Amino acid sequence: MRLVVATKNKGKLKEFKEILSDTPWEVIGMEDAGVYIDIEENADTFEGNALLKADQVMKQCGEITVADDSGICVNALGGAPGVYSARYAGDNATDLENNLKLLKAMENETSRSAKFVCAIAVARPSGESKILKGEFFGEIAYDMKGSGGFGYDCLFYLPEYKKTSAEIPAELKNQISHRAKALRKLKEYLLAAAERKG
């Protein structure tokens, strides 16, 4: 059985593969399924964007497709960057540009609490869909630290570990992150669905 992930992001696909490695599904990226479309993420919620991506790719490949939309929400910024996390500093912004813009926005802020949010949507050829969510709480650091992960990991400080998300081992991140939590729910959902069919 194949499970198509509606992403071109190699880091994201790697996390999906690692966390779902002990399931019956062969996890592949959308391009491996022969889908090369660009999807405009124009919903105003993580859930809406995830469903949009999963549905469009599923219609192209005809296979069970999952997609996630995730981002960082900073309390002092009213929840920004939120759904605009990937393009916070512009449409083709790099991780570094996004992180620098966030640091600048937080320059004079003492309240630095934040959370990562991940919404995963499953779209099936039968028309059935499902959304699963995970959250990961921390703070915005005063400077970038660590070389692991991607996106805002180097700025996302975890007080209980005294490290950023980019400094902790990948194995630990794959247990505690927003995407890990949502993926665990996805795994339970997929295994239950397989059992129903079996």
Protein backbone atom coordinates (compact mmCIF):
# COMPACT_ATOMS: atom_id res chain seq x y z
CA MET A 1 0.00 0.00 0.00
CA ARG A 2 1.21 3.45 -0.89
CA LEU A 3 0.61 6.67 0.99
CA VAL A 4 1.30 9.85 -0.96
CA VAL A 5 2.51 12.89 0.97
CA ALA A 6 1.52 16.14 -0.74
CA THR A 7 4.83 17.95 -0.25
CA LYS A 8 8.01 18.83 -2.11
CA ASN A 9 9.75 19.58 1.20
CA LYS A 10 12.43 16.90 1.69
CA GLY A 11 12.73 17.54 5.45
CA LYS A 12 8.99 17.12 5.94
CA LEU A 13 8.86 13.95 3.80
CA LYS A 14 11.75 12.48 5.82
CA GLU A 15 9.82 13.03 9.09
CA PHE A 16 6.71 11.37 7.63
CA LYS A 17 8.80 8.37 6.49
CA GLU A 18 10.57 8.01 9.85
CA ILE A 19 7.45 8.21 12.00
CA LEU A 20 5.37 5.95 9.73
CA SER A 21 8.20 3.45 9.11
CA ASP A 22 6.54 0.72 11.23
CA THR A 23 3.23 0.83 9.34
CA PRO A 24 2.22 -1.20 6.26
CA TRP A 25 2.36 1.92 4.06
CA GLU A 26 5.10 2.80 1.62
CA VAL A 27 5.39 6.55 2.12
CA ILE A 28 6.24 8.50 -1.05
CA GLY A 29 6.34 12.17 -2.05
CA MET A 30 3.92 13.69 -4.54
CA GLU A 31 6.54 13.83 -7.29
CA ASP A 32 7.24 10.09 -6.83
CA ALA A 33 3.52 9.63 -7.51
CA GLY A 34 3.85 11.63 -10.74
CA VAL A 35 2.21 14.81 -9.42
CA TYR A 36 4.06 18.06 -10.16
CA ILE A 37 1.40 20.70 -9.52
CA ASP A 38 1.91 23.87 -7.52
CA ILE A 39 -0.82 24.36 -4.95
CA GLU A 40 -1.78 27.81 -3.77
CA GLU A 41 -2.31 27.68 -0.01
CA ASN A 42 -5.01 30.32 0.27
CA ALA A 43 -7.04 29.04 3.22
CA ASP A 44 -6.87 31.04 6.44
CA THR A 45 -6.40 28.03 8.73
CA PHE A 46 -3.84 25.22 8.96
CA GLU A 47 -6.66 22.69 8.60
CA GLY A 48 -7.99 24.37 5.45
CA ASN A 49 -4.59 24.47 3.75
CA ALA A 50 -3.81 20.85 4.63
CA LEU A 51 -7.12 19.64 3.19
CA LEU A 52 -6.67 21.76 0.07
CA LYS A 53 -3.26 20.16 -0.63
CA ALA A 54 -4.29 16.59 0.18
CA ASP A 55 -7.44 16.81 -1.93
CA GLN A 56 -5.76 18.30 -5.02
CA VAL A 57 -2.91 15.77 -5.04
CA MET A 58 -5.30 12.84 -4.35
CA LYS A 59 -7.39 13.88 -7.38
CA GLN A 60 -4.25 13.83 -9.55
CA CYS A 61 -2.84 10.48 -8.40
CA GLY A 62 -5.97 8.60 -7.32
CA GLU A 63 -4.27 7.30 -4.16
CA ILE A 64 -4.70 7.95 -0.43
CA THR A 65 -2.96 11.27 0.11
CA VAL A 66 -1.92 13.10 3.25
CA ALA A 67 -0.80 16.70 3.58
CA ASP A 68 0.16 18.85 6.46
CA ASP A 69 0.15 22.54 7.04
CA SER A 70 2.17 23.72 9.94
CA GLY A 71 3.63 26.87 11.30
CA ILE A 72 4.66 28.83 14.32
CA CYS A 73 2.24 31.02 16.29
CA VAL A 74 3.76 33.65 18.57
CA ASN A 75 1.50 35.01 21.31
CA ALA A 76 3.14 38.46 21.42
CA LEU A 77 2.50 38.81 17.67
CA GLY A 78 -1.17 37.88 17.90
CA GLY A 79 -0.52 34.38 16.59
CA ALA A 80 1.65 35.47 13.65
CA PRO A 81 3.31 34.25 11.47
CA GLY A 82 0.71 31.41 11.67
CA VAL A 83 -0.40 30.11 8.25
CA TYR A 84 2.12 32.50 6.65
CA SER A 85 5.10 30.92 8.45
CA ALA A 86 6.76 29.53 5.29
CA ARG A 87 6.42 32.86 3.46
CA TYR A 88 6.71 35.24 6.42
CA ALA A 89 9.55 37.22 4.79
CA GLY A 90 8.13 36.90 1.26
CA ASP A 91 6.85 34.32 -1.21
CA ASN A 92 10.23 32.68 -1.88
CA ALA A 93 11.79 33.42 1.50
CA THR A 94 14.50 31.14 2.88
CA ASP A 95 14.40 29.74 6.41
CA LEU A 96 17.12 32.23 7.35
CA GLU A 97 15.14 35.21 6.02
CA ASN A 98 12.02 34.08 7.90
CA ASN A 99 13.97 33.59 11.13
CA LEU A 100 15.64 37.00 10.84
CA LYS A 101 12.27 38.69 10.31
CA LEU A 102 10.85 36.91 13.37
CA LEU A 103 13.84 37.94 15.50
CA LYS A 104 13.36 41.55 14.36
CA ALA A 105 9.61 41.43 15.18
CA MET A 106 10.45 40.08 18.68
CA GLU A 107 13.25 42.58 19.38
CA ASN A 108 11.50 44.43 22.19
CA GLU A 109 9.25 41.63 23.44
CA THR A 110 9.79 40.06 26.85
CA SER A 111 6.82 37.69 26.56
CA ARG A 112 8.20 35.07 24.18
CA SER A 113 5.78 32.13 24.43
CA ALA A 114 4.96 30.39 21.16
CA LYS A 115 3.71 27.14 19.75
CA PHE A 116 4.14 25.12 16.61
CA VAL A 117 0.88 23.81 15.16
CA CYS A 118 0.53 20.95 12.70
CA ALA A 119 -2.70 19.95 10.96
CA ILE A 120 -2.61 16.78 8.85
CA ALA A 121 -5.36 16.05 6.36
CA VAL A 122 -6.08 12.66 4.82
CA ALA A 123 -7.93 12.57 1.49
CA ARG A 124 -9.17 9.25 0.12
CA PRO A 125 -10.35 8.47 -3.42
CA SER A 126 -13.69 7.46 -1.83
CA GLY A 127 -14.23 11.11 -0.90
CA GLU A 128 -13.67 10.50 2.83
CA SER A 129 -11.36 12.96 4.59
CA LYS A 130 -10.00 13.38 8.10
CA ILE A 131 -8.00 16.06 9.93
CA LEU A 132 -5.62 15.42 12.84
CA LYS A 133 -3.75 18.04 14.86
CA GLY A 134 -0.69 18.35 17.08
CA GLU A 135 0.83 21.26 19.05
CA PHE A 136 4.32 21.85 20.44
CA PHE A 137 4.89 24.57 23.06
CA GLY A 138 8.02 26.63 23.64
CA GLU A 139 9.48 30.13 23.44
CA ILE A 140 11.20 32.29 20.86
CA ALA A 141 14.94 32.37 21.58
CA TYR A 142 16.97 35.57 21.40
CA ASP A 143 19.25 34.14 18.74
CA MET A 144 19.46 31.16 16.38
CA LYS A 145 21.05 28.00 17.74
CA GLY A 146 21.50 24.48 16.40
CA SER A 147 21.86 22.90 12.98
CA GLY A 148 19.20 20.19 13.14
CA GLY A 149 15.65 20.39 11.84
CA PHE A 150 14.44 23.10 9.47
CA GLY A 151 12.21 26.16 9.40
CA TYR A 152 12.02 27.93 12.77
CA ASP A 153 13.58 25.07 14.78
CA CYS A 154 16.74 27.11 15.49
CA LEU A 155 14.62 29.81 17.21
CA PHE A 156 12.18 27.55 19.05
CA TYR A 157 13.50 27.25 22.60
CA LEU A 158 12.34 24.37 24.81
CA PRO A 159 12.75 25.40 28.48
CA GLU A 160 12.54 21.80 29.79
CA TYR A 161 15.52 20.76 27.63
CA LYS A 162 17.33 24.14 27.77
CA LYS A 163 17.88 23.80 24.03
CA THR A 164 16.23 24.85 20.80
CA SER A 165 14.34 22.37 18.66
CA ALA A 166 17.35 22.45 16.28
CA GLU A 167 19.73 21.36 19.08
CA ILE A 168 17.88 18.27 20.32
CA PRO A 169 18.43 14.86 18.67
CA ALA A 170 16.12 14.01 15.75
CA GLU A 171 14.88 10.92 17.68
CA LEU A 172 13.67 13.14 20.53
CA LYS A 173 12.11 15.69 18.18
CA ASN A 174 10.27 12.82 16.47
CA GLN A 175 8.63 12.01 19.82
CA ILE A 176 7.66 15.48 21.07
CA SER A 177 7.12 17.81 18.11
CA HIS A 178 3.81 19.09 16.77
CA ARG A 179 4.23 17.00 13.62
CA ALA A 180 5.17 13.91 15.64
CA LYS A 181 1.98 14.25 17.71
CA ALA A 182 -0.19 14.73 14.61
CA LEU A 183 1.59 11.86 12.83
CA ARG A 184 0.97 9.52 15.76
CA LYS A 185 -2.73 10.32 15.45
CA LEU A 186 -2.46 9.75 11.69
CA LYS A 187 -0.79 6.39 12.31
CA GLU A 188 -3.61 5.31 14.65
CA TYR A 189 -6.22 6.46 12.13
CA LEU A 190 -4.56 4.64 9.20
CA LEU A 191 -4.05 1.40 11.14
CA ALA A 192 -7.67 1.46 12.33
CA ALA A 193 -8.85 2.07 8.75
CA ALA A 194 -6.70 -0.84 7.50
CA GLU A 195 -8.16 -3.10 10.18
CA ARG A 196 -11.69 -2.12 9.16
CA LYS A 197 -10.87 -3.07 5.57
CA GLY A 198 -9.03 -6.24 6.62
